């Protein structure tokens, strides 16, 4: 006879614990939701764009962000009316990178070798590195979080692959060594060759 009341008390105690746990979880979730709303508001504030109708003339699409400590490398995109193509952007970035991101003796932060165009995989990496840096650091869409991510992820990953996957030590020392995928013309060279061949074909014999 005494077993039934004890079972009822145990069940009531379990329900009470469950109710207490649900209440505690509800409070935690409510506090987290408030924190998320505050953070969303802050992010929206930081990334706020001018409303429709406001002037955007002051936002220079080629201006470096305030955290860009040195003058940025010149780029074809800085002069839309110019005749430079992305090769100028990437070439200027390589020169700028080599005077900015080379580490101390023995470190993995090595300069991009002069023969980078002759290694197709490296050329692809260098071009992506240049344009990812621009996206993170130049113009009104620049983001300090993206800039930090570039420094923390893109650059070290590139540095590691540069010395591990793409070139031999000879190349890093300025003495190109053919190895890996064979060098080939990029799409800009191919377009120029095609245009030259088409112009030549149109000339009267």
C-alpha atoms as a PDB file:
ATOM      1  CA  UNK A   1       0.000   0.000   0.000  1.00  0.00           C
ATOM      2  CA  UNK A   2       2.813   2.387   0.802  1.00  0.00           C
ATOM      3  CA  UNK A   3       4.479   1.805  -2.584  1.00  0.00           C
ATOM      4  CA  UNK A   4       1.874   3.702  -4.583  1.00  0.00           C
ATOM      5  CA  UNK A   5       2.217   7.084  -2.772  1.00  0.00           C
ATOM      6  CA  UNK A   6       6.033   6.784  -3.052  1.00  0.00           C
ATOM      7  CA  UNK A   7       5.760   6.201  -6.799  1.00  0.00           C
ATOM      8  CA  UNK A   8       3.421   9.167  -7.109  1.00  0.00           C
ATOM      9  CA  UNK A   9       5.858  11.361  -5.150  1.00  0.00           C
ATOM     10  CA  UNK A  10       8.765  10.195  -7.323  1.00  0.00           C
ATOM     11  CA  UNK A  11       6.779  10.965 -10.481  1.00  0.00           C
ATOM     12  CA  UNK A  12       5.812  14.363  -9.093  1.00  0.00           C
ATOM     13  CA  UNK A  13       9.464  15.030  -8.220  1.00  0.00           C
ATOM     14  CA  UNK A  14      10.557  14.050 -11.743  1.00  0.00           C
ATOM     15  CA  UNK A  15       7.917  16.360 -13.242  1.00  0.00           C
ATOM     16  CA  UNK A  16       9.132  19.144 -10.949  1.00  0.00           C
ATOM     17  CA  UNK A  17      12.743  18.605 -12.077  1.00  0.00           C
ATOM     18  CA  UNK A  18      11.653  18.575 -15.700  1.00  0.00           C
ATOM     19  CA  UNK A  19       9.670  21.797 -15.220  1.00  0.00           C
ATOM     20  CA  UNK A  20      12.675  23.385 -13.522  1.00  0.00           C
ATOM     21  CA  UNK A  21      14.987  22.287 -16.336  1.00  0.00           C
ATOM     22  CA  UNK A  22      12.593  23.591 -18.981  1.00  0.00           C
ATOM     23  CA  UNK A  23      12.359  26.916 -17.157  1.00  0.00           C
ATOM     24  CA  UNK A  24      16.167  27.163 -16.884  1.00  0.00           C
ATOM     25  CA  UNK A  25      16.625  26.307 -20.584  1.00  0.00           C
ATOM     26  CA  UNK A  26      13.968  28.846 -21.562  1.00  0.00           C
ATOM     27  CA  UNK A  27      15.825  31.564 -19.627  1.00  0.00           C
ATOM     28  CA  UNK A  28      19.143  30.600 -21.239  1.00  0.00           C
ATOM     29  CA  UNK A  29      17.624  30.609 -24.731  1.00  0.00           C
ATOM     30  CA  UNK A  30      15.982  33.968 -24.074  1.00  0.00           C
ATOM     31  CA  UNK A  31      19.314  35.462 -22.962  1.00  0.00           C
ATOM     32  CA  UNK A  32      21.067  34.015 -26.023  1.00  0.00           C
ATOM     33  CA  UNK A  33      18.363  35.392 -28.323  1.00  0.00           C
ATOM     34  CA  UNK A  34      18.873  38.873 -26.842  1.00  0.00           C
ATOM     35  CA  UNK A  35      22.630  38.587 -27.337  1.00  0.00           C
ATOM     36  CA  UNK A  36      22.146  37.484 -30.959  1.00  0.00           C
ATOM     37  CA  UNK A  37      19.789  40.424 -31.594  1.00  0.00           C
ATOM     38  CA  UNK A  38      22.335  42.857 -30.113  1.00  0.00           C
ATOM     39  CA  UNK A  39      25.109  41.365 -32.241  1.00  0.00           C
ATOM     40  CA  UNK A  40      22.959  41.494 -35.381  1.00  0.00           C
ATOM     41  CA  UNK A  41      22.217  45.144 -34.670  1.00  0.00           C
ATOM     42  CA  UNK A  42      25.926  45.872 -34.242  1.00  0.00           C
ATOM     43  CA  UNK A  43      26.868  44.011 -37.447  1.00  0.00           C
ATOM     44  CA  UNK A  44      24.148  45.857 -39.357  1.00  0.00           C
ATOM     45  CA  UNK A  45      25.427  49.135 -37.956  1.00  0.00           C
ATOM     46  CA  UNK A  46      28.994  48.366 -39.006  1.00  0.00           C
ATOM     47  CA  UNK A  47      28.031  47.255 -42.490  1.00  0.00           C
ATOM     48  CA  UNK A  48      25.328  49.865 -43.058  1.00  0.00           C
ATOM     49  CA  UNK A  49      25.123  51.136 -46.627  1.00  0.00           C
ATOM     50  CA  UNK A  50      23.719  54.510 -47.692  1.00  0.00           C
ATOM     51  CA  UNK A  51      19.945  54.480 -48.041  1.00  0.00           C
ATOM     52  CA  UNK A  52      18.369  54.911 -51.478  1.00  0.00           C
ATOM     53  CA  UNK A  53      18.674  58.484 -52.597  1.00  0.00           C
ATOM     54  CA  UNK A  54      21.743  59.241 -50.466  1.00  0.00           C
ATOM     55  CA  UNK A  55      24.885  60.253 -52.310  1.00  0.00           C
ATOM     56  CA  UNK A  56      27.513  57.606 -52.731  1.00  0.00           C
ATOM     57  CA  UNK A  57      29.945  59.930 -54.507  1.00  0.00           C
ATOM     58  CA  UNK A  58      32.185  60.031 -51.449  1.00  0.00           C
ATOM     59  CA  UNK A  59      32.759  56.265 -51.572  1.00  0.00           C
ATOM     60  CA  UNK A  60      35.699  55.730 -53.872  1.00  0.00           C
ATOM     61  CA  UNK A  61      35.626  52.152 -55.214  1.00  0.00           C
ATOM     62  CA  UNK A  62      39.424  52.177 -55.450  1.00  0.00           C
ATOM     63  CA  UNK A  63      40.152  53.674 -52.005  1.00  0.00           C
ATOM     64  CA  UNK A  64      41.948  51.485 -49.459  1.00  0.00           C
ATOM     65  CA  UNK A  65      40.257  50.819 -46.136  1.00  0.00           C
ATOM     66  CA  UNK A  66      41.567  52.631 -43.059  1.00  0.00           C
ATOM     67  CA  UNK A  67      43.450  49.536 -41.833  1.00  0.00           C
ATOM     68  CA  UNK A  68      45.543  49.263 -45.022  1.00  0.00           C
ATOM     69  CA  UNK A  69      48.823  50.476 -43.577  1.00  0.00           C
ATOM     70  CA  UNK A  70      50.828  50.883 -46.797  1.00  0.00           C
ATOM     71  CA  UNK A  71      49.857  52.181 -50.225  1.00  0.00           C
ATOM     72  CA  UNK A  72      48.027  49.460 -52.087  1.00  0.00           C
ATOM     73  CA  UNK A  73      49.411  47.996 -55.317  1.00  0.00           C
ATOM     74  CA  UNK A  74      48.164  49.677 -58.488  1.00  0.00           C
ATOM     75  CA  UNK A  75      45.468  47.759 -60.308  1.00  0.00           C
ATOM     76  CA  UNK A  76      43.821  47.787 -63.716  1.00  0.00           C
ATOM     77  CA  UNK A  77      40.482  48.174 -61.913  1.00  0.00           C
ATOM     78  CA  UNK A  78      41.604  51.557 -60.525  1.00  0.00           C
ATOM     79  CA  UNK A  79      41.226  53.093 -63.990  1.00  0.00           C
ATOM     80  CA  UNK A  80      38.186  51.671 -65.792  1.00  0.00           C
ATOM     81  CA  UNK A  81      39.064  53.706 -68.891  1.00  0.00           C
ATOM     82  CA  UNK A  82      42.621  52.394 -68.971  1.00  0.00           C
ATOM     83  CA  UNK A  83      43.844  49.630 -71.228  1.00  0.00           C
ATOM     84  CA  UNK A  84      45.414  47.485 -68.516  1.00  0.00           C
ATOM     85  CA  UNK A  85      43.981  44.016 -67.942  1.00  0.00           C
ATOM     86  CA  UNK A  86      44.059  41.825 -64.812  1.00  0.00           C
ATOM     87  CA  UNK A  87      47.644  40.803 -65.558  1.00  0.00           C
ATOM     88  CA  UNK A  88      48.710  44.296 -64.503  1.00  0.00           C
ATOM     89  CA  UNK A  89      46.762  43.954 -61.252  1.00  0.00           C
ATOM     90  CA  UNK A  90      48.332  40.600 -60.436  1.00  0.00           C
ATOM     91  CA  UNK A  91      51.849  41.612 -61.498  1.00  0.00           C
ATOM     92  CA  UNK A  92      51.720  44.749 -59.341  1.00  0.00           C
ATOM     93  CA  UNK A  93      50.366  42.711 -56.438  1.00  0.00           C
ATOM     94  CA  UNK A  94      53.283  40.265 -56.690  1.00  0.00           C
ATOM     95  CA  UNK A  95      55.817  43.107 -56.470  1.00  0.00           C
ATOM     96  CA  UNK A  96      53.926  44.637 -53.526  1.00  0.00           C
ATOM     97  CA  UNK A  97      53.591  41.272 -51.769  1.00  0.00           C
ATOM     98  CA  UNK A  98      57.319  40.640 -52.089  1.00  0.00           C
ATOM     99  CA  UNK A  99      58.216  43.874 -50.311  1.00  0.00           C
ATOM    100  CA  UNK A 100      55.528  43.445 -47.656  1.00  0.00           C
ATOM    101  CA  UNK A 101      55.023  39.804 -46.684  1.00  0.00           C
ATOM    102  CA  UNK A 102      58.473  38.230 -46.788  1.00  0.00           C
ATOM    103  CA  UNK A 103      59.454  36.784 -43.419  1.00  0.00           C
ATOM    104  CA  UNK A 104      62.693  36.428 -41.506  1.00  0.00           C
ATOM    105  CA  UNK A 105      65.405  33.971 -42.557  1.00  0.00           C
ATOM    106  CA  UNK A 106      64.207  30.415 -42.179  1.00  0.00           C
ATOM    107  CA  UNK A 107      60.517  31.301 -42.123  1.00  0.00           C
ATOM    108  CA  UNK A 108      57.983  29.908 -44.586  1.00  0.00           C
ATOM    109  CA  UNK A 109      57.033  33.445 -45.723  1.00  0.00           C
ATOM    110  CA  UNK A 110      59.058  33.507 -48.935  1.00  0.00           C
ATOM    111  CA  UNK A 111      58.797  35.900 -51.884  1.00  0.00           C
ATOM    112  CA  UNK A 112      56.754  34.888 -54.890  1.00  0.00           C
ATOM    113  CA  UNK A 113      59.435  33.865 -57.415  1.00  0.00           C
ATOM    114  CA  UNK A 114      59.850  35.760 -60.705  1.00  0.00           C
ATOM    115  CA  UNK A 115      58.908  32.581 -62.613  1.00  0.00           C
ATOM    116  CA  UNK A 116      55.431  32.336 -61.028  1.00  0.00           C
ATOM    117  CA  UNK A 117      53.751  32.678 -64.452  1.00  0.00           C
ATOM    118  CA  UNK A 118      55.576  29.549 -65.658  1.00  0.00           C
ATOM    119  CA  UNK A 119      53.914  27.366 -63.015  1.00  0.00           C
ATOM    120  CA  UNK A 120      50.175  27.120 -63.881  1.00  0.00           C
ATOM    121  CA  UNK A 121      49.017  26.095 -60.399  1.00  0.00           C
ATOM    122  CA  UNK A 122      51.036  28.864 -58.787  1.00  0.00           C
ATOM    123  CA  UNK A 123      49.771  31.422 -61.317  1.00  0.00           C
ATOM    124  CA  UNK A 124      46.184  30.504 -60.408  1.00  0.00           C
ATOM    125  CA  UNK A 125      46.965  30.808 -56.688  1.00  0.00           C
ATOM    126  CA  UNK A 126      48.730  34.150 -57.101  1.00  0.00           C
ATOM    127  CA  UNK A 127      45.833  35.623 -59.105  1.00  0.00           C
ATOM    128  CA  UNK A 128      43.291  34.470 -56.504  1.00  0.00           C
ATOM    129  CA  UNK A 129      45.518  35.780 -53.708  1.00  0.00           C
ATOM    130  CA  UNK A 130      45.728  39.205 -55.371  1.00  0.00           C
ATOM    131  CA  UNK A 131      42.003  39.558 -55.954  1.00  0.00           C
ATOM    132  CA  UNK A 132      41.006  38.161 -52.561  1.00  0.00           C
ATOM    133  CA  UNK A 133      43.285  40.764 -50.961  1.00  0.00           C
ATOM    134  CA  UNK A 134      41.617  43.510 -53.029  1.00  0.00           C
ATOM    135  CA  UNK A 135      38.122  42.306 -52.112  1.00  0.00           C
ATOM    136  CA  UNK A 136      38.986  42.389 -48.405  1.00  0.00           C
ATOM    137  CA  UNK A 137      40.844  45.711 -48.379  1.00  0.00           C
ATOM    138  CA  UNK A 138      39.767  48.010 -51.216  1.00  0.00           C
ATOM    139  CA  UNK A 139      36.570  50.018 -51.780  1.00  0.00           C
ATOM    140  CA  UNK A 140      33.310  50.367 -49.874  1.00  0.00           C
ATOM    141  CA  UNK A 141      32.798  46.588 -49.618  1.00  0.00           C
ATOM    142  CA  UNK A 142      36.109  46.113 -47.746  1.00  0.00           C
ATOM    143  CA  UNK A 143      35.740  44.346 -44.415  1.00  0.00           C
ATOM    144  CA  UNK A 144      38.215  44.225 -41.563  1.00  0.00           C
ATOM    145  CA  UNK A 145      36.981  40.713 -40.780  1.00  0.00           C
ATOM    146  CA  UNK A 146      37.749  39.603 -44.351  1.00  0.00           C
ATOM    147  CA  UNK A 147      41.128  41.346 -44.154  1.00  0.00           C
ATOM    148  CA  UNK A 148      41.970  39.490 -40.950  1.00  0.00           C
ATOM    149  CA  UNK A 149      40.779  36.222 -42.490  1.00  0.00           C
ATOM    150  CA  UNK A 150      43.049  36.864 -45.487  1.00  0.00           C
ATOM    151  CA  UNK A 151      46.021  37.395 -43.168  1.00  0.00           C
ATOM    152  CA  UNK A 152      45.147  34.442 -40.960  1.00  0.00           C
ATOM    153  CA  UNK A 153      44.061  31.908 -43.615  1.00  0.00           C
ATOM    154  CA  UNK A 154      44.706  32.893 -47.231  1.00  0.00           C
ATOM    155  CA  UNK A 155      48.285  34.124 -46.911  1.00  0.00           C
ATOM    156  CA  UNK A 156      49.692  31.342 -44.680  1.00  0.00           C
ATOM    157  CA  UNK A 157      47.915  28.696 -46.754  1.00  0.00           C
ATOM    158  CA  UNK A 158      49.385  30.179 -49.915  1.00  0.00           C
ATOM    159  CA  UNK A 159      52.851  30.392 -48.343  1.00  0.00           C
ATOM    160  CA  UNK A 160      52.703  26.743 -47.364  1.00  0.00           C
ATOM    161  CA  UNK A 161      51.582  25.591 -50.813  1.00  0.00           C
ATOM    162  CA  UNK A 162      54.125  27.846 -52.556  1.00  0.00           C
ATOM    163  CA  UNK A 163      57.057  25.979 -51.028  1.00  0.00           C
ATOM    164  CA  UNK A 164      55.401  22.569 -50.757  1.00  0.00           C
ATOM    165  CA  UNK A 165      53.394  22.168 -53.972  1.00  0.00           C
ATOM    166  CA  UNK A 166      54.393  24.601 -56.689  1.00  0.00           C
ATOM    167  CA  UNK A 167      58.107  25.388 -56.917  1.00  0.00           C
ATOM    168  CA  UNK A 168      61.530  23.968 -56.154  1.00  0.00           C
ATOM    169  CA  UNK A 169      64.044  25.841 -53.972  1.00  0.00           C
ATOM    170  CA  UNK A 170      65.883  26.802 -57.199  1.00  0.00           C
ATOM    171  CA  UNK A 171      62.876  28.886 -58.278  1.00  0.00           C
ATOM    172  CA  UNK A 172      62.712  30.589 -54.892  1.00  0.00           C
ATOM    173  CA  UNK A 173      66.377  31.500 -55.330  1.00  0.00           C
ATOM    174  CA  UNK A 174      65.639  33.086 -58.733  1.00  0.00           C
ATOM    175  CA  UNK A 175      66.822  30.183 -60.918  1.00  0.00           C
ATOM    176  CA  UNK A 176      63.683  28.794 -62.597  1.00  0.00           C
ATOM    177  CA  UNK A 177      63.387  25.041 -62.791  1.00  0.00           C
ATOM    178  CA  UNK A 178      60.781  23.431 -65.047  1.00  0.00           C
ATOM    179  CA  UNK A 179      58.858  21.023 -62.912  1.00  0.00           C
ATOM    180  CA  UNK A 180      55.251  20.034 -62.440  1.00  0.00           C
ATOM    181  CA  UNK A 181      52.626  21.149 -64.953  1.00  0.00           C
ATOM    182  CA  UNK A 182      54.212  22.623 -68.094  1.00  0.00           C
ATOM    183  CA  UNK A 183      54.001  26.368 -68.660  1.00  0.00           C
ATOM    184  CA  UNK A 184      51.281  27.526 -71.031  1.00  0.00           C
ATOM    185  CA  UNK A 185      49.811  30.744 -72.371  1.00  0.00           C
ATOM    186  CA  UNK A 186      47.192  32.397 -70.171  1.00  0.00           C
ATOM    187  CA  UNK A 187      43.775  33.362 -71.531  1.00  0.00           C
ATOM    188  CA  UNK A 188      44.887  36.952 -72.143  1.00  0.00           C
ATOM    189  CA  UNK A 189      47.850  35.847 -74.254  1.00  0.00           C
ATOM    190  CA  UNK A 190      45.609  33.441 -76.158  1.00  0.00           C
ATOM    191  CA  UNK A 191      43.106  36.244 -76.855  1.00  0.00           C
ATOM    192  CA  UNK A 192      45.933  38.475 -78.120  1.00  0.00           C
ATOM    193  CA  UNK A 193      47.288  35.668 -80.316  1.00  0.00           C
ATOM    194  CA  UNK A 194      43.806  35.030 -81.692  1.00  0.00           C
ATOM    195  CA  UNK A 195      43.259  38.740 -82.418  1.00  0.00           C
ATOM    196  CA  UNK A 196      46.665  38.977 -84.123  1.00  0.00           C
ATOM    197  CA  UNK A 197      45.940  35.879 -86.237  1.00  0.00           C
ATOM    198  CA  UNK A 198      42.501  37.237 -87.208  1.00  0.00           C
ATOM    199  CA  UNK A 199      44.003  40.618 -88.166  1.00  0.00           C
ATOM    200  CA  UNK A 200      46.699  38.885 -90.208  1.00  0.00           C
ATOM    201  CA  UNK A 201      44.058  36.748 -92.012  1.00  0.00           C
ATOM    202  CA  UNK A 202      42.122  39.900 -92.982  1.00  0.00           C
ATOM    203  CA  UNK A 203      45.139  41.507 -94.657  1.00  0.00           C
ATOM    204  CA  UNK A 204      45.102  41.353 -98.460  1.00  0.00           C
ATOM    205  CA  UNK A 205      47.638  38.985 -99.974  1.00  0.00           C
END
